[in-house]
Amino acid sequence: MKKLTTVFIAILFALSMTGLCFAQAPAPAPAPAPEKKMEEKKPAKEEKKKVKKAKKEKKAKKEKKEEKKMEEKKMDEPKK
């Protein structure tokens, strides 16, 4: 009889533990991050293109100024 109650108590204990395991709340689902990242990349690419274009324009203006200065220096130099 002692062995039978021990087995019975062990089975009840095992069943109570499995019940606790199934009663736990499920983990919250992760936020859909990949969709947001794709939206953020598009404006960033456009901004990079704008920055590159602005740099090229500045460089072109600077080169034109330097060319004008060189032409003026050539005109100002006396001929020998």
PDB file of N, CA and C in Angstrom:
ATOM      1  N   MET A   1       0.807  -1.189   0.000  1.00  0.00           N
ATOM      2  CA  MET A   1       0.000   0.000   0.000  1.00  0.00           C
ATOM      3  C   MET A   1       0.855   1.260   0.000  1.00  0.00           C
ATOM      4  N   LYS A   2       1.985   1.172   0.705  1.00  0.00           N
ATOM      5  CA  LYS A   2       2.884   2.322   0.770  1.00  0.00           C
ATOM      6  C   LYS A   2       3.424   2.646  -0.613  1.00  0.00           C
ATOM      7  N   LYS A   3       3.791   1.620  -1.340  1.00  0.00           N
ATOM      8  CA  LYS A   3       4.342   1.830  -2.683  1.00  0.00           C
ATOM      9  C   LYS A   3       3.287   2.412  -3.614  1.00  0.00           C
ATOM     10  N   LEU A   4       2.061   1.985  -3.455  1.00  0.00           N
ATOM     11  CA  LEU A   4       0.988   2.458  -4.321  1.00  0.00           C
ATOM     12  C   LEU A   4       0.713   3.947  -4.087  1.00  0.00           C
ATOM     13  N   THR A   5       0.713   4.379  -2.832  1.00  0.00           N
ATOM     14  CA  THR A   5       0.509   5.806  -2.546  1.00  0.00           C
ATOM     15  C   THR A   5       1.691   6.640  -3.027  1.00  0.00           C
ATOM     16  N   THR A   6       2.882   6.083  -2.931  1.00  0.00           N
ATOM     17  CA  THR A   6       4.063   6.808  -3.417  1.00  0.00           C
ATOM     18  C   THR A   6       3.972   7.020  -4.926  1.00  0.00           C
ATOM     19  N   VAL A   7       3.579   5.993  -5.645  1.00  0.00           N
ATOM     20  CA  VAL A   7       3.428   6.104  -7.100  1.00  0.00           C
ATOM     21  C   VAL A   7       2.308   7.083  -7.422  1.00  0.00           C
ATOM     22  N   PHE A   8       1.231   7.006  -6.685  1.00  0.00           N
ATOM     23  CA  PHE A   8       0.096   7.900  -6.913  1.00  0.00           C
ATOM     24  C   PHE A   8       0.505   9.366  -6.680  1.00  0.00           C
ATOM     25  N   ILE A   9       1.224   9.619  -5.623  1.00  0.00           N
ATOM     26  CA  ILE A   9       1.682  10.980  -5.316  1.00  0.00           C
ATOM     27  C   ILE A   9       2.676  11.465  -6.387  1.00  0.00           C
ATOM     28  N   ALA A  10       3.551  10.576  -6.840  1.00  0.00           N
ATOM     29  CA  ALA A  10       4.517  10.942  -7.884  1.00  0.00           C
ATOM     30  C   ALA A  10       3.800  11.309  -9.176  1.00  0.00           C
ATOM     31  N   ILE A  11       2.766  10.553  -9.525  1.00  0.00           N
ATOM     32  CA  ILE A  11       2.000  10.856 -10.748  1.00  0.00           C
ATOM     33  C   ILE A  11       1.270  12.189 -10.593  1.00  0.00           C
ATOM     34  N   LEU A  12       0.665  12.428  -9.431  1.00  0.00           N
ATOM     35  CA  LEU A  12      -0.012  13.710  -9.188  1.00  0.00           C
ATOM     36  C   LEU A  12       0.974  14.879  -9.268  1.00  0.00           C
ATOM     37  N   PHE A  13       2.154  14.691  -8.701  1.00  0.00           N
ATOM     38  CA  PHE A  13       3.178  15.739  -8.763  1.00  0.00           C
ATOM     39  C   PHE A  13       3.581  16.032 -10.202  1.00  0.00           C
ATOM     40  N   ALA A  14       3.793  14.990 -10.997  1.00  0.00           N
ATOM     41  CA  ALA A  14       4.192  15.166 -12.390  1.00  0.00           C
ATOM     42  C   ALA A  14       3.093  15.874 -13.176  1.00  0.00           C
ATOM     43  N   LEU A  15       1.848  15.495 -12.950  1.00  0.00           N
ATOM     44  CA  LEU A  15       0.732  16.139 -13.651  1.00  0.00           C
ATOM     45  C   LEU A  15       0.579  17.607 -13.242  1.00  0.00           C
ATOM     46  N   SER A  16       0.813  17.907 -11.982  1.00  0.00           N
ATOM     47  CA  SER A  16       0.687  19.298 -11.530  1.00  0.00           C
ATOM     48  C   SER A  16       1.785  20.170 -12.150  1.00  0.00           C
ATOM     49  N   MET A  17       2.972  19.604 -12.300  1.00  0.00           N
ATOM     50  CA  MET A  17       4.069  20.376 -12.920  1.00  0.00           C
ATOM     51  C   MET A  17       3.807  20.628 -14.403  1.00  0.00           C
ATOM     52  N   THR A  18       3.264  19.650 -15.100  1.00  0.00           N
ATOM     53  CA  THR A  18       2.975  19.864 -16.527  1.00  0.00           C
ATOM     54  C   THR A  18       1.866  20.889 -16.691  1.00  0.00           C
ATOM     55  N   GLY A  19       0.930  20.896 -15.769  1.00  0.00           N
ATOM     56  CA  GLY A  19      -0.136  21.901 -15.827  1.00  0.00           C
ATOM     57  C   GLY A  19       0.427  23.304 -15.674  1.00  0.00           C
ATOM     58  N   LEU A  20       1.394  23.473 -14.773  1.00  0.00           N
ATOM     59  CA  LEU A  20       2.018  24.786 -14.599  1.00  0.00           C
ATOM     60  C   LEU A  20       2.783  25.211 -15.853  1.00  0.00           C
ATOM     61  N   CYS A  21       3.418  24.253 -16.489  1.00  0.00           N
ATOM     62  CA  CYS A  21       4.179  24.572 -17.698  1.00  0.00           C
ATOM     63  C   CYS A  21       3.262  25.062 -18.819  1.00  0.00           C
ATOM     64  N   PHE A  22       2.117  24.413 -18.965  1.00  0.00           N
ATOM     65  CA  PHE A  22       1.197  24.816 -20.028  1.00  0.00           C
ATOM     66  C   PHE A  22       0.431  26.089 -19.688  1.00  0.00           C
ATOM     67  N   ALA A  23       0.365  26.448 -18.421  1.00  0.00           N
ATOM     68  CA  ALA A  23      -0.382  27.627 -17.999  1.00  0.00           C
ATOM     69  C   ALA A  23       0.415  28.917 -18.182  1.00  0.00           C
ATOM     70  N   GLN A  24       1.682  28.832 -18.508  1.00  0.00           N
ATOM     71  CA  GLN A  24       2.493  30.038 -18.674  1.00  0.00           C
ATOM     72  C   GLN A  24       2.014  30.856 -19.858  1.00  0.00           C
ATOM     73  N   ALA A  25       2.143  32.165 -19.738  1.00  0.00           N
ATOM     74  CA  ALA A  25       1.747  33.064 -20.827  1.00  0.00           C
ATOM     75  C   ALA A  25       2.743  32.942 -21.976  1.00  0.00           C
ATOM     76  N   PRO A  26       2.257  32.978 -23.190  1.00  0.00           N
ATOM     77  CA  PRO A  26       3.183  32.894 -24.336  1.00  0.00           C
ATOM     78  C   PRO A  26       4.032  34.154 -24.437  1.00  0.00           C
ATOM     79  N   ALA A  27       5.194  34.012 -24.994  1.00  0.00           N
ATOM     80  CA  ALA A  27       6.100  35.146 -25.150  1.00  0.00           C
ATOM     81  C   ALA A  27       5.504  36.119 -26.165  1.00  0.00           C
ATOM     82  N   PRO A  28       5.684  37.432 -25.951  1.00  0.00           N
ATOM     83  CA  PRO A  28       5.137  38.404 -26.898  1.00  0.00           C
ATOM     84  C   PRO A  28       5.832  38.283 -28.261  1.00  0.00           C
ATOM     85  N   ALA A  29       5.068  38.484 -29.299  1.00  0.00           N
ATOM     86  CA  ALA A  29       5.618  38.374 -30.657  1.00  0.00           C
ATOM     87  C   ALA A  29       6.537  39.557 -30.938  1.00  0.00           C
ATOM     88  N   PRO A  30       7.647  39.328 -31.624  1.00  0.00           N
ATOM     89  CA  PRO A  30       8.555  40.434 -31.938  1.00  0.00           C
ATOM     90  C   PRO A  30       7.920  41.392 -32.948  1.00  0.00           C
ATOM     91  N   ALA A  31       8.314  42.646 -32.867  1.00  0.00           N
ATOM     92  CA  ALA A  31       7.780  43.668 -33.775  1.00  0.00           C
ATOM     93  C   ALA A  31       8.310  43.436 -35.183  1.00  0.00           C
ATOM     94  N   PRO A  32       7.548  43.773 -36.201  1.00  0.00           N
ATOM     95  CA  PRO A  32       8.006  43.568 -37.582  1.00  0.00           C
ATOM     96  C   PRO A  32       9.043  44.619 -37.976  1.00  0.00           C
ATOM     97  N   ALA A  33      10.271  44.399 -37.602  1.00  0.00           N
ATOM     98  CA  ALA A  33      11.342  45.362 -37.852  1.00  0.00           C
ATOM     99  C   ALA A  33      11.785  45.426 -39.313  1.00  0.00           C
ATOM    100  N   PRO A  34      11.814  44.326 -40.072  1.00  0.00           N
ATOM    101  CA  PRO A  34      12.321  44.405 -41.444  1.00  0.00           C
ATOM    102  C   PRO A  34      11.551  45.381 -42.337  1.00  0.00           C
ATOM    103  N   GLU A  35      10.245  45.508 -42.156  1.00  0.00           N
ATOM    104  CA  GLU A  35       9.470  46.435 -42.972  1.00  0.00           C
ATOM    105  C   GLU A  35       9.895  47.877 -42.721  1.00  0.00           C
ATOM    106  N   LYS A  36      10.123  48.224 -41.475  1.00  0.00           N
ATOM    107  CA  LYS A  36      10.523  49.584 -41.155  1.00  0.00           C
ATOM    108  C   LYS A  36      11.907  49.898 -41.702  1.00  0.00           C
ATOM    109  N   LYS A  37      12.801  48.925 -41.653  1.00  0.00           N
ATOM    110  CA  LYS A  37      14.152  49.156 -42.145  1.00  0.00           C
ATOM    111  C   LYS A  37      14.148  49.438 -43.637  1.00  0.00           C
ATOM    112  N   MET A  38      13.308  48.739 -44.377  1.00  0.00           N
ATOM    113  CA  MET A  38      13.249  48.947 -45.817  1.00  0.00           C
ATOM    114  C   MET A  38      12.749  50.357 -46.128  1.00  0.00           C
ATOM    115  N   GLU A  39      11.798  50.854 -45.356  1.00  0.00           N
ATOM    116  CA  GLU A  39      11.289  52.199 -45.574  1.00  0.00           C
ATOM    117  C   GLU A  39      12.348  53.239 -45.235  1.00  0.00           C
ATOM    118  N   GLU A  40      13.146  52.994 -44.217  1.00  0.00           N
ATOM    119  CA  GLU A  40      14.158  53.956 -43.801  1.00  0.00           C
ATOM    120  C   GLU A  40      15.319  54.023 -44.791  1.00  0.00           C
ATOM    121  N   LYS A  41      15.610  52.932 -45.477  1.00  0.00           N
ATOM    122  CA  LYS A  41      16.743  52.911 -46.384  1.00  0.00           C
ATOM    123  C   LYS A  41      16.500  53.756 -47.621  1.00  0.00           C
ATOM    124  N   LYS A  42      15.297  53.804 -48.110  1.00  0.00           N
ATOM    125  CA  LYS A  42      14.996  54.544 -49.328  1.00  0.00           C
ATOM    126  C   LYS A  42      15.303  56.032 -49.179  1.00  0.00           C
ATOM    127  N   PRO A  43      14.808  56.699 -48.142  1.00  0.00           N
ATOM    128  CA  PRO A  43      15.147  58.122 -48.010  1.00  0.00           C
ATOM    129  C   PRO A  43      16.636  58.350 -47.775  1.00  0.00           C
ATOM    130  N   ALA A  44      17.284  57.425 -47.103  1.00  0.00           N
ATOM    131  CA  ALA A  44      18.712  57.578 -46.843  1.00  0.00           C
ATOM    132  C   ALA A  44      19.487  57.552 -48.151  1.00  0.00           C
ATOM    133  N   LYS A  45      19.098  56.679 -49.077  1.00  0.00           N
ATOM    134  CA  LYS A  45      19.773  56.607 -50.365  1.00  0.00           C
ATOM    135  C   LYS A  45      19.571  57.897 -51.142  1.00  0.00           C
ATOM    136  N   GLU A  46      18.350  58.425 -51.095  1.00  0.00           N
ATOM    137  CA  GLU A  46      18.071  59.675 -51.798  1.00  0.00           C
ATOM    138  C   GLU A  46      18.894  60.819 -51.218  1.00  0.00           C
ATOM    139  N   GLU A  47      19.022  60.846 -49.900  1.00  0.00           N
ATOM    140  CA  GLU A  47      19.809  61.902 -49.265  1.00  0.00           C
ATOM    141  C   GLU A  47      21.281  61.787 -49.654  1.00  0.00           C
ATOM    142  N   LYS A  48      21.787  60.559 -49.722  1.00  0.00           N
ATOM    143  CA  LYS A  48      23.181  60.370 -50.114  1.00  0.00           C
ATOM    144  C   LYS A  48      23.404  60.860 -51.534  1.00  0.00           C
ATOM    145  N   LYS A  49      22.438  60.584 -52.409  1.00  0.00           N
ATOM    146  CA  LYS A  49      22.560  61.046 -53.787  1.00  0.00           C
ATOM    147  C   LYS A  49      22.577  62.569 -53.840  1.00  0.00           C
ATOM    148  N   LYS A  50      21.719  63.207 -53.031  1.00  0.00           N
ATOM    149  CA  LYS A  50      21.673  64.669 -53.003  1.00  0.00           C
ATOM    150  C   LYS A  50      22.999  65.236 -52.504  1.00  0.00           C
ATOM    151  N   VAL A  51      23.559  64.611 -51.491  1.00  0.00           N
ATOM    152  CA  VAL A  51      24.829  65.078 -50.930  1.00  0.00           C
ATOM    153  C   VAL A  51      25.939  64.949 -51.967  1.00  0.00           C
ATOM    154  N   LYS A  52      25.977  63.810 -52.665  1.00  0.00           N
ATOM    155  CA  LYS A  52      26.998  63.610 -53.694  1.00  0.00           C
ATOM    156  C   LYS A  52      26.847  64.629 -54.807  1.00  0.00           C
ATOM    157  N   LYS A  53      25.617  64.898 -55.197  1.00  0.00           N
ATOM    158  CA  LYS A  53      25.369  65.856 -56.271  1.00  0.00           C
ATOM    159  C   LYS A  53      25.809  67.259 -55.842  1.00  0.00           C
ATOM    160  N   ALA A  54      25.520  67.621 -54.599  1.00  0.00           N
ATOM    161  CA  ALA A  54      25.915  68.932 -54.091  1.00  0.00           C
ATOM    162  C   ALA A  54      27.440  69.051 -54.056  1.00  0.00           C
ATOM    163  N   LYS A  55      28.126  67.976 -53.662  1.00  0.00           N
ATOM    164  CA  LYS A  55      29.586  68.003 -53.630  1.00  0.00           C
ATOM    165  C   LYS A  55      30.163  68.185 -55.028  1.00  0.00           C
ATOM    166  N   LYS A  56      29.572  67.496 -56.004  1.00  0.00           N
ATOM    167  CA  LYS A  56      30.050  67.625 -57.380  1.00  0.00           C
ATOM    168  C   LYS A  56      29.852  69.049 -57.889  1.00  0.00           C
ATOM    169  N   GLU A  57      28.702  69.648 -57.555  1.00  0.00           N
ATOM    170  CA  GLU A  57      28.442  71.014 -57.989  1.00  0.00           C
ATOM    171  C   GLU A  57      29.438  71.988 -57.363  1.00  0.00           C
ATOM    172  N   LYS A  58      29.729  71.810 -56.077  1.00  0.00           N
ATOM    173  CA  LYS A  58      30.694  72.676 -55.413  1.00  0.00           C
ATOM    174  C   LYS A  58      32.074  72.537 -56.049  1.00  0.00           C
ATOM    175  N   LYS A  59      32.438  71.300 -56.346  1.00  0.00           N
ATOM    176  CA  LYS A  59      33.746  71.046 -56.945  1.00  0.00           C
ATOM    177  C   LYS A  59      33.830  71.696 -58.323  1.00  0.00           C
ATOM    178  N   ALA A  60      32.746  71.590 -59.093  1.00  0.00           N
ATOM    179  CA  ALA A  60      32.728  72.180 -60.429  1.00  0.00           C
ATOM    180  C   ALA A  60      32.839  73.704 -60.342  1.00  0.00           C
ATOM    181  N   LYS A  61      32.147  74.332 -59.406  1.00  0.00           N
ATOM    182  CA  LYS A  61      32.217  75.783 -59.228  1.00  0.00           C
ATOM    183  C   LYS A  61      33.634  76.208 -58.845  1.00  0.00           C
ATOM    184  N   LYS A  62      34.244  75.437 -57.969  1.00  0.00           N
ATOM    185  CA  LYS A  62      35.595  75.752 -57.516  1.00  0.00           C
ATOM    186  C   LYS A  62      36.585  75.671 -58.684  1.00  0.00           C
ATOM    187  N   GLU A  63      36.425  74.635 -59.512  1.00  0.00           N
ATOM    188  CA  GLU A  63      37.307  74.486 -60.669  1.00  0.00           C
ATOM    189  C   GLU A  63      37.127  75.641 -61.655  1.00  0.00           C
ATOM    190  N   LYS A  64      35.907  76.093 -61.864  1.00  0.00           N
ATOM    191  CA  LYS A  64      35.649  77.223 -62.763  1.00  0.00           C
ATOM    192  C   LYS A  64      36.310  78.489 -62.243  1.00  0.00           C
ATOM    193  N   LYS A  65      36.229  78.714 -60.941  1.00  0.00           N
ATOM    194  CA  LYS A  65      36.861  79.893 -60.346  1.00  0.00           C
ATOM    195  C   LYS A  65      38.372  79.847 -60.545  1.00  0.00           C
ATOM    196  N   GLU A  66      38.952  78.675 -60.330  1.00  0.00           N
ATOM    197  CA  GLU A  66      40.391  78.531 -60.502  1.00  0.00           C
ATOM    198  C   GLU A  66      40.795  78.764 -61.959  1.00  0.00           C
ATOM    199  N   GLU A  67      39.995  78.279 -62.895  1.00  0.00           N
ATOM    200  CA  GLU A  67      40.291  78.500 -64.315  1.00  0.00           C
ATOM    201  C   GLU A  67      40.235  79.984 -64.657  1.00  0.00           C
ATOM    202  N   LYS A  68      39.260  80.683 -64.114  1.00  0.00           N
ATOM    203  CA  LYS A  68      39.155  82.128 -64.366  1.00  0.00           C
ATOM    204  C   LYS A  68      40.364  82.867 -63.806  1.00  0.00           C
ATOM    205  N   LYS A  69      40.798  82.489 -62.618  1.00  0.00           N
ATOM    206  CA  LYS A  69      41.963  83.126 -62.016  1.00  0.00           C
ATOM    207  C   LYS A  69      43.207  82.880 -62.866  1.00  0.00           C
ATOM    208  N   MET A  70      43.361  81.665 -63.362  1.00  0.00           N
ATOM    209  CA  MET A  70      44.524  81.350 -64.199  1.00  0.00           C
ATOM    210  C   MET A  70      44.488  82.151 -65.490  1.00  0.00           C
ATOM    211  N   GLU A  71      43.314  82.313 -66.080  1.00  0.00           N
ATOM    212  CA  GLU A  71      43.191  83.105 -67.309  1.00  0.00           C
ATOM    213  C   GLU A  71      43.534  84.562 -67.048  1.00  0.00           C
ATOM    214  N   GLU A  72      43.078  85.097 -65.917  1.00  0.00           N
ATOM    215  CA  GLU A  72      43.377  86.480 -65.571  1.00  0.00           C
ATOM    216  C   GLU A  72      44.878  86.676 -65.355  1.00  0.00           C
ATOM    217  N   LYS A  73      45.524  85.725 -64.716  1.00  0.00           N
ATOM    218  CA  LYS A  73      46.959  85.827 -64.491  1.00  0.00           C
ATOM    219  C   LYS A  73      47.710  85.808 -65.814  1.00  0.00           C
ATOM    220  N   LYS A  74      47.263  84.971 -66.740  1.00  0.00           N
ATOM    221  CA  LYS A  74      47.918  84.902 -68.051  1.00  0.00           C
ATOM    222  C   LYS A  74      47.746  86.215 -68.804  1.00  0.00           C
ATOM    223  N   MET A  75      46.600  86.835 -68.663  1.00  0.00           N
ATOM    224  CA  MET A  75      46.337  88.102 -69.362  1.00  0.00           C
ATOM    225  C   MET A  75      47.165  89.236 -68.737  1.00  0.00           C
ATOM    226  N   ASP A  76      47.368  89.188 -67.415  1.00  0.00           N
ATOM    227  CA  ASP A  76      48.086  90.239 -66.717  1.00  0.00           C
ATOM    228  C   ASP A  76      49.601  90.133 -66.908  1.00  0.00           C
ATOM    229  N   GLU A  77      50.130  88.968 -67.202  1.00  0.00           N
ATOM    230  CA  GLU A  77      51.570  88.808 -67.367  1.00  0.00           C
ATOM    231  C   GLU A  77      52.040  89.537 -68.617  1.00  0.00           C
ATOM    232  N   PRO A  78      53.147  90.280 -68.496  1.00  0.00           N
ATOM    233  CA  PRO A  78      53.677  90.980 -69.691  1.00  0.00           C
ATOM    234  C   PRO A  78      54.333  89.985 -70.634  1.00  0.00           C
ATOM    235  N   LYS A  79      54.160  90.229 -71.903  1.00  0.00           N
ATOM    236  CA  LYS A  79      54.757  89.355 -72.913  1.00  0.00           C
ATOM    237  C   LYS A  79      56.200  89.749 -73.130  1.00  0.00           C
ATOM    238  N   LYS A  80      57.074  88.824 -73.377  1.00  0.00           N
ATOM    239  CA  LYS A  80      58.494  89.113 -73.594  1.00  0.00           C
ATOM    240  C   LYS A  80      58.850  89.021 -75.011  1.00  0.00           C
TER     241      LYS A  80
END
